[in-house]
Amino acid sequence: MNTLNTKYRLLVPFGLFIILFFSNHIFAQITWVGTTTDWNTESNWDPTGIPVSGDIVTIPTSPSGGNMPTISSGTLATGAVTVDSGATLTQTGGQLTFDTGNFTIYGTFSQSGGTLLSDNKDLSFLDGGSLIQSGTGVIHMNTDTGLTPAKAVKFKDNGGGAATGSQAGSAIIRCKDFKLETSNCSFTQSENGLITVGHDWKNLGTFISTGGTVEFTGADGDAGPGLDFTGVNQFYNLILDVADPGFDDDPSTVIKVAGDFTNNNSSLNVETAEFIFNGTSDQTISSASSPVPGTSTFGNLIIDNPDSVVILTDLETVSFTLLQGELDENGNDFYEDGEPLPVELVSFTGKVKDQQVYLNWATATEVNNYGFEVQRTLSGVEAWEEIGFVEGHGNSNSPKEYEFIDLNPPSGDLEYRLKQIDTDGAFEYFDQIAKVNASITDIEDPSTDGLPTKFALDQNYPNPFNPSTTIKYSIPVDTRRGVSATNVSLIVYDILGREVATLVNKKQQPGNYEVLFNASHLSSGTYFYRLVSGEFTKTMKFVLLK
């Protein structure tokens, strides 16, 4: 008898488990009724009771109470969630963790605050489903924001229409995989949004970012077989951490970046993927890849920005194309296919005008370009002579134009060539030859052209002055260098030698100039103005008397 009672007593806990299993609290089917909008109100659910972990929740298209649910506070849990087509789940605060099944949206999930967590289940937007994320909303695909995201955020059309997403404000999505799985799916990112991807980026649709950041964290190592960059990949800020996102998986991959690009992966070596920097204001590139030999950050780098793209580190690319704007090396080395960008001459022409020869040339790129020595010879005679020098632009990836005027050409058929000189003294002769016929009958002195033949800095007028005065100066023709611009500075100093005004600091062509100096911001006293151009320096004194 005692043995029998013992057996029955052992069955009681098991029976209670069976009862609880089929009750409303373990894996219950629970449907939103919507008497009000509060997720935390028991009467808003059928059967009555707030969902808990393991419950299977449905948000129907037309709840009987007429209201859609809003999560605004609390620490909540549920099992699988389905938001039907036409229905909307809104989160403005609080925390909701879903487990035992996927969170599937056929309608809309609108999140402007709070946190959505996943216990090893995916977040899927299907057949017209939509994510609208803004404000400070956070989607983190694990049970705690301090844990590495373990599951995916997906958008897919299974025949019911395109799934879409948007992110704005300071909203965050942290996931293992981010997937636009059909070609009609799309996602837009703006303002300061952030998406982090720990493994696969799969985009068969359209991803457009006009602000915010996508960061490949590499938390799960290099990308796997699920990666795909087939669709439109328009990023704003793009950050690569320690793993390889797999840009070269498809040789047709095109990555567009409108903001800044940061590569923290020193072993990244991209050989085929095309990167287009297409912002509308200055952009920056920094890369931990070690250039030369053979670790390139980009397969083909294309600059299509009307302003500047500035590199903050040494950089290598397999090929380089400049459509518009400028690549500013900022003192760093830039390599194309293992070699520094050369000085690329795109044109070199000559013409005779007023018994002088005008030479014009243009470059597409320049690296360490000290300048150009201009040489001349009579046609058919290998007796090149140096007739002038034009300073280069150092490092440039934007088109530059140059002009040199041969003031004293001999009569006859002439040929001109350029000797390009690097800052380290290395040089090369360009193949292009400019040929002209200079039928000179009467060579005049250059001074008859109205240009000065020597430097001059005149005394200001009036002097003393209050508060304005005019300073005149002259930049002469250099018969060796021809008519070409030279660096000129005109600076005002006080009696202690402190600089108080910069009136001129630029290149100027030979000619006569005057500058109006307004000293209304200065106190009475003696001042000095100094003209510097090349080896010429002259200082004059003037007095401000208020």
Protein backbone atom coordinates (compact mmCIF):
# COMPACT_ATOMS: atom_id res chain seq x y z
CA MET A 1 0.00 0.00 0.00
CA ASN A 2 2.77 2.41 0.88
CA THR A 3 4.53 1.48 -2.33
CA LEU A 4 1.41 2.29 -4.35
CA ASN A 5 0.93 5.67 -2.64
CA THR A 6 4.55 6.46 -3.36
CA LYS A 7 3.99 5.79 -7.07
CA TYR A 8 0.92 8.04 -7.19
CA ARG A 9 2.78 10.79 -5.36
CA LEU A 10 5.47 10.63 -8.05
CA LEU A 11 2.82 11.04 -10.76
CA VAL A 12 1.40 14.25 -9.28
CA PRO A 13 4.22 16.60 -10.43
CA PHE A 14 4.12 15.08 -13.93
CA GLY A 15 0.35 15.60 -14.07
CA LEU A 16 0.72 19.19 -13.00
CA PHE A 17 3.29 19.73 -15.78
CA ILE A 18 0.84 18.33 -18.34
CA ILE A 19 -1.87 20.69 -17.08
CA LEU A 20 0.47 23.71 -17.21
CA PHE A 21 1.72 22.73 -20.64
CA PHE A 22 -1.78 23.01 -22.05
CA SER A 23 -2.66 26.13 -20.06
CA ASN A 24 -2.43 29.77 -21.26
CA HIS A 25 1.06 30.21 -19.85
CA ILE A 26 3.18 27.66 -21.70
CA PHE A 27 3.25 27.85 -25.49
CA ALA A 28 -0.21 29.43 -25.53
CA GLN A 29 -1.76 30.70 -28.75
CA ILE A 30 -2.55 34.32 -27.93
CA THR A 31 -4.11 36.96 -30.17
CA TRP A 32 -4.19 40.73 -29.89
CA VAL A 33 -7.69 42.14 -29.29
CA GLY A 34 -6.82 45.81 -28.99
CA THR A 35 -9.36 47.32 -26.61
CA THR A 36 -6.62 49.92 -26.00
CA THR A 37 -3.10 50.27 -27.47
CA ASP A 38 -1.15 49.08 -24.40
CA TRP A 39 0.72 45.77 -24.87
CA ASN A 40 0.87 45.46 -21.05
CA THR A 41 -2.91 45.42 -20.53
CA GLU A 42 -4.19 41.88 -19.99
CA SER A 43 -7.65 42.56 -21.45
CA ASN A 44 -6.05 43.47 -24.79
CA TRP A 45 -5.28 39.78 -25.35
CA ASP A 46 -7.30 36.63 -26.04
CA PRO A 47 -7.14 34.61 -23.92
CA THR A 48 -6.73 37.28 -21.25
CA GLY A 49 -3.19 37.75 -20.06
CA ILE A 50 0.01 39.49 -21.14
CA PRO A 51 2.20 37.26 -23.39
CA VAL A 52 5.16 35.54 -21.75
CA SER A 53 8.16 33.57 -22.96
CA GLY A 54 7.05 30.73 -25.23
CA ASP A 55 3.65 32.17 -26.17
CA ILE A 56 2.77 32.22 -29.86
CA VAL A 57 1.51 35.74 -30.54
CA THR A 58 -0.52 37.02 -33.48
CA ILE A 59 -1.26 40.68 -34.28
CA PRO A 60 -4.22 40.44 -36.69
CA THR A 61 -5.09 42.78 -39.54
CA SER A 62 -8.33 43.90 -37.87
CA PRO A 63 -8.35 43.40 -34.09
CA SER A 64 -11.82 43.35 -32.60
CA GLY A 65 -11.07 46.33 -30.34
CA GLY A 66 -9.88 48.43 -33.27
CA ASN A 67 -6.47 49.42 -31.80
CA MET A 68 -2.97 48.31 -32.75
CA PRO A 69 -0.44 47.45 -29.97
CA THR A 70 2.27 49.73 -28.62
CA ILE A 71 5.15 48.69 -26.35
CA SER A 72 6.20 51.72 -24.31
CA SER A 73 7.76 50.34 -21.12
CA GLY A 74 8.65 47.24 -19.15
CA THR A 75 10.86 44.19 -19.62
CA LEU A 76 8.79 41.76 -21.66
CA ALA A 77 9.16 38.36 -23.28
CA THR A 78 7.23 36.31 -25.79
CA GLY A 79 7.65 33.37 -28.11
CA ALA A 80 7.07 33.55 -31.84
CA VAL A 81 5.39 36.74 -33.07
CA THR A 82 3.46 37.24 -36.32
CA VAL A 83 2.29 40.69 -37.42
CA ASP A 84 -0.28 40.12 -40.15
CA SER A 85 -0.51 42.14 -43.35
CA GLY A 86 -2.11 45.51 -42.66
CA ALA A 87 -1.33 45.33 -38.93
CA THR A 88 1.22 47.48 -37.10
CA LEU A 89 3.27 46.80 -33.98
CA THR A 90 4.79 49.96 -32.48
CA GLN A 91 7.62 50.17 -29.95
CA THR A 92 8.47 53.48 -28.29
CA GLY A 93 10.24 52.15 -25.19
CA GLY A 94 10.74 49.14 -22.97
CA GLN A 95 12.39 45.83 -23.87
CA LEU A 96 10.88 42.84 -25.65
CA THR A 97 12.68 39.50 -26.06
CA PHE A 98 11.25 36.88 -28.44
CA ASP A 99 12.13 33.16 -28.30
CA THR A 100 10.96 29.67 -29.43
CA GLY A 101 10.02 31.05 -32.86
CA ASN A 102 10.82 33.77 -35.38
CA PHE A 103 9.53 37.34 -35.24
CA THR A 104 7.74 37.59 -38.59
CA ILE A 105 6.34 40.83 -40.00
CA TYR A 106 3.86 40.82 -42.89
CA GLY A 107 2.57 44.22 -41.80
CA THR A 108 4.66 46.94 -40.12
CA PHE A 109 7.03 47.08 -37.17
CA SER A 110 7.55 50.73 -36.20
CA GLN A 111 10.27 51.33 -33.62
CA SER A 112 11.26 54.79 -32.36
CA GLY A 113 12.58 53.73 -28.95
CA GLY A 114 13.16 50.73 -26.73
CA THR A 115 14.99 47.50 -27.51
CA LEU A 116 13.98 44.34 -29.38
CA LEU A 117 16.07 41.26 -28.45
CA SER A 118 16.25 37.78 -29.98
CA ASP A 119 16.79 34.46 -28.23
CA ASN A 120 18.38 32.60 -31.16
CA LYS A 121 15.60 33.40 -33.64
CA ASP A 122 15.48 35.50 -36.85
CA LEU A 123 13.63 38.76 -37.47
CA SER A 124 11.92 38.45 -40.86
CA PHE A 125 9.98 40.95 -42.98
CA LEU A 126 8.03 39.04 -45.62
CA ASP A 127 5.57 39.68 -48.48
CA GLY A 128 5.07 43.42 -48.07
CA GLY A 129 6.32 43.55 -44.49
CA SER A 130 7.98 46.80 -43.43
CA LEU A 131 10.42 48.04 -40.80
CA ILE A 132 10.25 51.73 -39.87
CA GLN A 133 13.04 52.44 -37.39
CA SER A 134 13.86 55.88 -36.04
CA GLY A 135 14.76 57.81 -32.91
CA THR A 136 16.69 55.66 -30.44
CA GLY A 137 15.22 52.29 -31.35
CA VAL A 138 17.55 49.27 -31.01
CA ILE A 139 17.27 45.84 -32.61
CA HIS A 140 19.89 43.46 -31.19
CA MET A 141 19.84 39.87 -32.39
CA ASN A 142 20.73 38.26 -29.05
CA THR A 143 19.30 38.19 -25.53
CA ASP A 144 21.51 41.00 -24.25
CA THR A 145 23.04 44.03 -25.99
CA GLY A 146 26.40 43.01 -24.54
CA LEU A 147 26.36 39.68 -26.40
CA THR A 148 27.50 39.10 -29.97
CA PRO A 149 24.50 39.13 -32.34
CA ALA A 150 23.64 35.55 -33.32
CA LYS A 151 20.75 35.75 -35.79
CA ALA A 152 19.68 37.52 -38.98
CA VAL A 153 17.48 40.41 -40.06
CA LYS A 154 15.83 39.42 -43.35
CA PHE A 155 13.66 41.00 -46.05
CA LYS A 156 12.04 38.73 -48.65
CA ASP A 157 9.20 38.53 -51.16
CA ASN A 158 7.71 35.04 -51.21
CA GLY A 159 5.07 36.09 -53.71
CA GLY A 160 3.13 38.58 -51.60
CA GLY A 161 5.06 41.77 -52.44
CA ALA A 162 8.32 43.55 -51.68
CA ALA A 163 9.55 43.78 -48.11
CA THR A 164 11.11 47.13 -47.17
CA GLY A 165 12.97 48.82 -44.34
CA SER A 166 14.11 52.26 -43.27
CA GLN A 167 16.37 53.56 -40.54
CA ALA A 168 16.77 57.16 -39.35
CA GLY A 169 17.63 59.13 -36.23
CA SER A 170 20.17 57.32 -34.04
CA ALA A 171 18.55 53.89 -34.42
CA ILE A 172 20.68 50.74 -34.30
CA ILE A 173 20.47 47.27 -35.83
CA ARG A 174 23.04 44.73 -34.66
CA CYS A 175 22.78 41.36 -36.41
CA LYS A 176 24.81 38.38 -37.55
CA ASP A 177 23.46 38.50 -41.11
CA PHE A 178 21.67 41.31 -42.96
CA LYS A 179 19.73 40.10 -45.99
CA LEU A 180 17.68 41.64 -48.80
CA GLU A 181 16.84 38.27 -50.32
CA THR A 182 14.83 39.22 -53.42
CA SER A 183 15.50 41.85 -56.06
CA ASN A 184 12.45 43.99 -55.23
CA CYS A 185 13.34 44.38 -51.54
CA SER A 186 14.87 47.65 -50.40
CA PHE A 187 16.28 49.41 -47.36
CA THR A 188 17.07 53.09 -46.81
CA GLN A 189 19.34 54.52 -44.12
CA SER A 190 19.69 58.19 -43.17
CA GLU A 191 20.82 60.61 -40.46
CA ASN A 192 22.91 58.76 -37.80
CA GLY A 193 21.62 55.22 -38.10
CA LEU A 194 23.95 52.25 -37.50
CA ILE A 195 23.86 48.70 -38.84
CA THR A 196 26.49 46.20 -37.70
CA VAL A 197 26.94 42.90 -39.53
CA GLY A 198 28.93 40.08 -37.97
CA HIS A 199 28.98 37.66 -40.89
CA ASP A 200 27.04 37.80 -44.18
CA TRP A 201 25.78 40.80 -46.13
CA LYS A 202 23.34 39.51 -48.74
CA ASN A 203 21.83 42.14 -50.99
CA LEU A 204 19.91 41.14 -54.09
CA GLY A 205 17.80 44.30 -53.89
CA THR A 206 18.57 47.96 -53.20
CA PHE A 207 20.34 49.42 -50.17
CA ILE A 208 20.61 53.23 -50.16
CA SER A 209 22.25 55.18 -47.36
CA THR A 210 22.30 58.98 -47.36
CA GLY A 211 23.61 59.14 -43.79
CA GLY A 212 24.64 56.79 -41.02
CA THR A 213 27.06 53.87 -40.92
CA VAL A 214 27.29 50.22 -41.89
CA GLU A 215 29.99 48.37 -39.96
CA PHE A 216 31.24 44.88 -40.82
CA THR A 217 32.34 43.73 -37.36
CA GLY A 218 33.57 40.29 -38.35
CA ALA A 219 32.32 38.91 -35.04
CA ASP A 220 31.80 35.53 -36.74
CA GLY A 221 34.93 35.63 -38.87
CA ASP A 222 35.11 36.09 -42.61
CA ALA A 223 31.82 36.14 -44.50
CA GLY A 224 30.42 32.76 -45.54
CA PRO A 225 28.61 31.31 -48.56
CA GLY A 226 25.51 33.39 -47.86
CA LEU A 227 27.14 36.69 -48.81
CA ASP A 228 26.04 38.49 -51.96
CA PHE A 229 26.64 42.03 -53.23
CA THR A 230 24.64 41.61 -56.47
CA GLY A 231 22.18 44.42 -55.71
CA VAL A 232 22.66 48.16 -55.34
CA ASN A 233 25.06 48.82 -52.45
CA GLN A 234 25.09 52.57 -51.77
CA PHE A 235 26.67 53.16 -48.38
CA TYR A 236 27.33 56.39 -46.57
CA ASN A 237 29.97 55.68 -43.91
CA LEU A 238 31.47 52.20 -44.28
CA ILE A 239 33.68 50.53 -41.65
CA LEU A 240 35.47 47.18 -41.94
CA ASP A 241 36.84 45.62 -38.79
CA VAL A 242 38.93 42.44 -38.58
CA ALA A 243 37.13 40.13 -41.04
CA ASP A 244 36.80 40.05 -44.83
CA PRO A 245 33.24 40.88 -45.95
CA GLY A 246 33.90 38.99 -49.21
CA PHE A 247 33.83 41.88 -51.69
CA ASP A 248 35.65 39.72 -54.28
CA ASP A 249 33.17 36.82 -54.08
CA ASP A 250 31.53 38.16 -57.25
CA PRO A 251 33.86 39.94 -59.72
CA SER A 252 30.99 42.26 -60.70
CA THR A 253 30.61 43.66 -57.15
CA VAL A 254 30.15 47.44 -57.05
CA ILE A 255 30.37 49.27 -53.72
CA LYS A 256 29.39 52.94 -53.59
CA VAL A 257 30.42 55.16 -50.67
CA ALA A 258 29.10 58.69 -50.16
CA GLY A 259 30.72 59.31 -46.77
CA ASP A 260 33.91 58.07 -45.12
CA PHE A 261 35.58 54.67 -45.56
CA THR A 262 37.59 52.99 -42.78
CA ASN A 263 39.34 49.63 -43.18
CA ASN A 264 40.76 48.20 -39.94
CA ASN A 265 41.65 44.82 -41.49
CA SER A 266 45.39 44.81 -42.22
CA SER A 267 45.16 41.60 -44.29
CA LEU A 268 42.33 42.77 -46.53
CA ASN A 269 43.30 42.36 -50.19
CA VAL A 270 40.62 43.30 -52.73
CA GLU A 271 41.42 42.48 -56.35
CA THR A 272 38.21 42.78 -58.40
CA ALA A 273 35.49 44.71 -56.52
CA GLU A 274 34.83 48.23 -57.77
CA PHE A 275 34.50 51.06 -55.26
CA ILE A 276 32.93 54.36 -56.30
CA PHE A 277 33.30 57.34 -53.98
CA ASN A 278 30.36 59.49 -55.03
CA GLY A 279 29.73 61.94 -52.19
CA THR A 280 28.95 65.61 -52.76
CA SER A 281 31.38 66.97 -50.16
CA ASP A 282 34.82 65.98 -48.86
CA GLN A 283 35.28 62.28 -48.05
CA THR A 284 38.10 60.41 -46.31
CA ILE A 285 39.69 56.99 -46.82
CA SER A 286 41.80 55.20 -44.23
CA SER A 287 43.09 51.65 -44.61
CA ALA A 288 45.11 49.25 -42.48
CA SER A 289 45.95 47.15 -45.57
CA SER A 290 49.71 47.25 -46.09
CA PRO A 291 50.34 48.56 -49.60
CA VAL A 292 53.21 47.40 -51.80
CA PRO A 293 53.55 44.63 -52.30
CA GLY A 294 50.13 43.36 -53.05
CA THR A 295 47.52 44.20 -50.43
CA SER A 296 45.07 46.50 -52.15
CA THR A 297 42.10 48.03 -50.39
CA PHE A 298 40.12 48.33 -53.64
CA GLY A 299 40.02 46.48 -56.92
CA ASN A 300 39.09 49.49 -59.01
CA LEU A 301 38.87 52.83 -57.20
CA ILE A 302 36.72 55.47 -58.91
CA ILE A 303 36.45 59.06 -57.68
CA ASP A 304 33.18 60.72 -58.74
CA ASN A 305 32.99 63.55 -56.21
CA PRO A 306 33.06 67.23 -57.21
CA ASP A 307 35.08 67.99 -54.06
CA SER A 308 38.02 66.09 -52.56
CA VAL A 309 38.54 62.53 -51.41
CA VAL A 310 41.36 62.62 -48.84
CA ILE A 311 43.43 59.54 -48.02
CA LEU A 312 44.53 59.38 -44.38
CA THR A 313 46.90 56.42 -44.81
CA ASP A 314 49.04 54.87 -47.52
CA LEU A 315 46.74 53.22 -50.03
CA GLU A 316 46.88 50.78 -52.92
CA THR A 317 44.32 49.95 -55.59
CA VAL A 318 44.52 47.63 -58.59
CA SER A 319 43.30 50.42 -60.89
CA PHE A 320 42.29 54.04 -60.45
CA THR A 321 39.86 56.27 -62.34
CA LEU A 322 39.16 59.96 -61.70
CA LEU A 323 35.79 61.07 -63.11
CA GLN A 324 35.59 64.39 -61.25
CA GLY A 325 37.00 66.06 -58.17
CA GLU A 326 40.39 65.38 -56.63
CA LEU A 327 42.15 62.61 -54.71
CA ASP A 328 44.17 64.40 -52.03
CA GLU A 329 47.06 62.20 -50.88
CA ASN A 330 47.55 64.38 -47.80
CA GLY A 331 51.25 63.44 -47.61
CA ASN A 332 50.56 59.70 -47.94
CA ASP A 333 51.64 57.29 -50.67
CA PHE A 334 49.12 56.17 -53.27
CA TYR A 335 49.88 53.12 -55.39
CA GLU A 336 48.16 51.82 -58.46
CA ASP A 337 48.90 48.14 -59.06
CA GLY A 338 52.04 48.35 -56.92
CA GLU A 339 53.44 51.53 -58.46
CA PRO A 340 53.14 55.18 -57.38
CA LEU A 341 50.86 57.19 -59.63
CA PRO A 342 53.03 58.78 -62.33
CA VAL A 343 52.88 62.30 -63.68
CA GLU A 344 50.48 61.73 -66.55
CA LEU A 345 50.73 64.25 -69.40
CA VAL A 346 47.49 64.37 -71.40
CA SER A 347 48.29 67.20 -73.83
CA PHE A 348 51.15 69.44 -74.99
CA THR A 349 50.65 72.10 -77.69
CA GLY A 350 52.41 75.16 -79.07
CA LYS A 351 51.34 78.16 -81.15
CA VAL A 352 52.93 81.39 -82.37
CA LYS A 353 51.34 84.69 -81.39
CA ASP A 354 52.82 88.17 -81.62
CA GLN A 355 56.25 86.74 -82.46
CA GLN A 356 56.27 84.64 -79.30
CA VAL A 357 55.58 80.93 -78.78
CA TYR A 358 52.84 79.95 -76.35
CA LEU A 359 53.19 76.45 -74.92
CA ASN A 360 50.27 74.82 -73.08
CA TRP A 361 50.07 71.44 -71.43
CA ALA A 362 47.89 69.55 -68.98
CA THR A 363 48.33 66.65 -66.57
CA ALA A 364 45.74 64.19 -65.25
CA THR A 365 47.74 63.09 -62.20
CA GLU A 366 50.95 64.12 -60.46
CA VAL A 367 53.10 62.43 -57.83
CA ASN A 368 56.11 64.18 -56.27
CA ASN A 369 56.21 66.56 -59.22
CA TYR A 370 58.78 69.32 -58.62
CA GLY A 371 58.16 70.85 -62.03
CA PHE A 372 58.87 70.98 -65.75
CA GLU A 373 62.01 72.10 -67.51
CA VAL A 374 61.08 73.49 -70.93
CA GLN A 375 63.55 72.68 -73.72
CA ARG A 376 63.80 73.87 -77.33
CA THR A 377 65.65 72.93 -80.51
CA LEU A 378 65.52 73.63 -84.23
CA SER A 379 63.71 70.89 -86.10
CA GLY A 380 66.07 68.20 -87.32
CA VAL A 381 68.79 69.24 -84.91
CA GLU A 382 69.36 67.21 -81.72
CA ALA A 383 70.62 70.21 -79.74
CA TRP A 384 68.07 70.70 -76.96
CA GLU A 385 68.56 73.76 -74.76
CA GLU A 386 66.81 74.66 -71.55
CA ILE A 387 64.79 77.86 -71.92
CA GLY A 388 62.69 77.90 -68.75
CA PHE A 389 61.12 76.12 -65.81
CA VAL A 390 57.52 75.87 -64.55
CA GLU A 391 56.79 74.72 -61.00
CA GLY A 392 54.61 71.59 -60.61
CA HIS A 393 51.79 70.82 -58.17
CA GLY A 394 53.58 68.11 -56.18
CA ASN A 395 50.88 65.47 -55.66
CA SER A 396 47.57 65.77 -57.45
CA ASN A 397 44.87 63.52 -58.82
CA SER A 398 42.91 66.28 -60.51
CA PRO A 399 43.61 67.86 -63.92
CA LYS A 400 46.18 70.67 -63.87
CA GLU A 401 46.95 73.13 -66.68
CA TYR A 402 50.21 74.94 -67.41
CA GLU A 403 51.43 77.69 -69.73
CA PHE A 404 54.88 78.91 -70.73
CA ILE A 405 55.66 81.73 -73.17
CA ASP A 406 58.93 81.63 -75.12
CA LEU A 407 59.65 85.36 -75.38
CA ASN A 408 62.73 85.10 -77.62
CA PRO A 409 62.27 82.25 -80.11
CA PRO A 410 64.63 82.01 -83.08
CA SER A 411 63.12 82.12 -86.53
CA GLY A 412 62.38 78.78 -88.20
CA ASP A 413 60.80 75.41 -87.49
CA LEU A 414 61.03 74.76 -83.76
CA GLU A 415 60.41 71.80 -81.48
CA TYR A 416 59.70 71.90 -77.75
CA ARG A 417 59.74 69.15 -75.13
CA LEU A 418 59.24 68.83 -71.38
CA LYS A 419 61.61 67.36 -68.84
CA GLN A 420 59.55 66.38 -65.78
CA ILE A 421 61.56 66.51 -62.53
CA ASP A 422 60.55 64.78 -59.29
CA THR A 423 61.10 66.26 -55.84
CA ASP A 424 63.92 63.73 -55.29
CA GLY A 425 65.71 64.86 -58.45
CA ALA A 426 64.65 61.92 -60.66
CA PHE A 427 63.43 62.98 -64.09
CA GLU A 428 61.97 61.80 -67.35
CA TYR A 429 61.41 63.28 -70.81
CA PHE A 430 57.88 63.14 -72.16
CA ASP A 431 57.44 61.71 -75.63
CA GLN A 432 55.10 64.48 -76.75
CA ILE A 433 56.78 67.13 -78.93
CA ALA A 434 55.22 70.52 -79.71
CA LYS A 435 56.19 71.73 -83.21
CA VAL A 436 55.76 75.30 -84.47
CA ASN A 437 56.95 77.46 -87.32
CA ALA A 438 58.24 80.74 -85.92
CA SER A 439 58.74 83.12 -88.84
CA ILE A 440 60.16 85.87 -86.68
CA THR A 441 60.97 89.07 -88.53
CA ASP A 442 61.54 91.55 -85.77
CA ILE A 443 62.12 90.43 -82.19
CA GLU A 444 61.15 93.19 -79.80
CA ASP A 445 62.37 93.63 -76.25
CA PRO A 446 59.89 92.07 -73.84
CA SER A 447 59.48 95.45 -72.14
CA THR A 448 57.61 96.72 -75.21
CA ASP A 449 54.88 94.27 -74.28
CA GLY A 450 54.09 96.50 -71.31
CA LEU A 451 55.42 94.05 -68.73
CA PRO A 452 57.95 95.16 -66.10
CA THR A 453 61.52 93.95 -66.38
CA LYS A 454 62.45 94.17 -62.69
CA PHE A 455 60.91 93.86 -59.25
CA ALA A 456 59.65 97.01 -57.58
CA LEU A 457 57.98 97.88 -54.28
CA ASP A 458 56.85 101.50 -54.08
CA GLN A 459 56.30 103.72 -51.06
CA ASN A 460 52.68 103.62 -50.03
CA TYR A 461 50.44 106.61 -50.64
CA PRO A 462 49.34 108.46 -48.63
CA ASN A 463 51.89 108.18 -45.85
CA PRO A 464 51.17 108.80 -43.00
CA PHE A 465 47.66 107.43 -43.52
CA ASN A 466 44.35 106.94 -41.70
CA PRO A 467 42.93 104.38 -42.03
CA SER A 468 43.67 103.26 -45.63
CA THR A 469 46.62 103.43 -47.97
CA THR A 470 47.63 102.02 -51.37
CA ILE A 471 50.73 99.87 -51.96
CA LYS A 472 52.04 99.33 -55.49
CA TYR A 473 54.50 96.67 -56.63
CA SER A 474 55.75 95.00 -59.82
CA ILE A 475 56.50 91.38 -60.75
CA PRO A 476 58.87 91.25 -63.77
CA VAL A 477 59.19 89.00 -66.78
CA ASP A 478 61.91 86.38 -66.31
CA THR A 479 63.43 85.91 -69.74
CA ARG A 480 64.64 82.47 -68.67
CA ARG A 481 61.35 81.22 -67.26
CA GLY A 482 59.14 83.14 -69.66
CA VAL A 483 55.77 84.51 -68.67
CA SER A 484 54.76 82.16 -65.87
CA ALA A 485 53.27 82.70 -62.44
CA THR A 486 55.51 83.02 -59.41
CA ASN A 487 54.82 82.90 -55.67
CA VAL A 488 54.26 86.37 -54.17
CA SER A 489 53.68 87.41 -50.56
CA LEU A 490 53.03 90.90 -49.22
CA ILE A 491 52.80 90.98 -45.42
CA VAL A 492 52.45 93.78 -42.85
CA TYR A 493 54.40 93.68 -39.56
CA ASP A 494 54.33 95.83 -36.44
CA ILE A 495 57.43 97.44 -34.95
CA LEU A 496 58.12 94.27 -32.89
CA GLY A 497 58.17 92.12 -36.03
CA ARG A 498 54.79 90.49 -35.43
CA GLU A 499 52.66 89.76 -38.47
CA VAL A 500 49.47 91.82 -38.38
CA ALA A 501 48.08 91.40 -41.92
CA THR A 502 48.63 89.28 -45.03
CA LEU A 503 47.76 91.32 -48.12
CA VAL A 504 48.95 88.86 -50.80
CA ASN A 505 49.92 85.19 -50.61
CA LYS A 506 49.50 83.47 -53.98
CA LYS A 507 51.00 82.96 -57.43
CA GLN A 508 50.89 85.97 -59.74
CA GLN A 509 51.77 86.53 -63.38
CA PRO A 510 54.28 89.26 -64.34
CA GLY A 511 52.65 92.68 -64.14
CA ASN A 512 52.01 95.80 -62.09
CA TYR A 513 49.80 95.49 -59.01
CA GLU A 514 48.34 97.67 -56.29
CA VAL A 515 46.73 96.70 -52.99
CA LEU A 516 44.50 98.77 -50.73
CA PHE A 517 45.36 98.25 -47.05
CA ASN A 518 42.75 99.20 -44.45
CA ALA A 519 44.26 99.52 -40.96
CA SER A 520 41.13 100.57 -39.10
CA HIS A 521 41.61 97.65 -36.70
CA LEU A 522 45.15 98.71 -35.76
CA SER A 523 46.38 101.38 -33.36
CA SER A 524 48.54 104.34 -34.37
CA GLY A 525 52.21 103.62 -34.87
CA THR A 526 54.99 102.62 -37.24
CA TYR A 527 54.53 99.50 -39.36
CA PHE A 528 56.45 97.70 -42.12
CA TYR A 529 55.33 95.95 -45.29
CA ARG A 530 57.51 93.32 -46.98
CA LEU A 531 57.33 91.92 -50.53
CA VAL A 532 58.84 88.45 -51.11
CA SER A 533 58.97 86.64 -54.46
CA GLY A 534 61.62 84.04 -55.20
CA GLU A 535 64.97 85.52 -54.21
CA PHE A 536 63.61 89.08 -54.12
CA THR A 537 62.80 90.66 -50.75
CA LYS A 538 62.15 94.33 -49.99
CA THR A 539 60.74 96.03 -46.88
CA MET A 540 59.24 99.52 -46.60
CA LYS A 541 58.12 101.56 -43.57
CA PHE A 542 54.82 103.41 -43.21
CA VAL A 543 53.01 105.25 -40.43
CA LEU A 544 49.42 104.92 -39.25
CA LEU A 545 48.30 108.18 -37.64
CA LYS A 546 44.82 108.26 -36.14
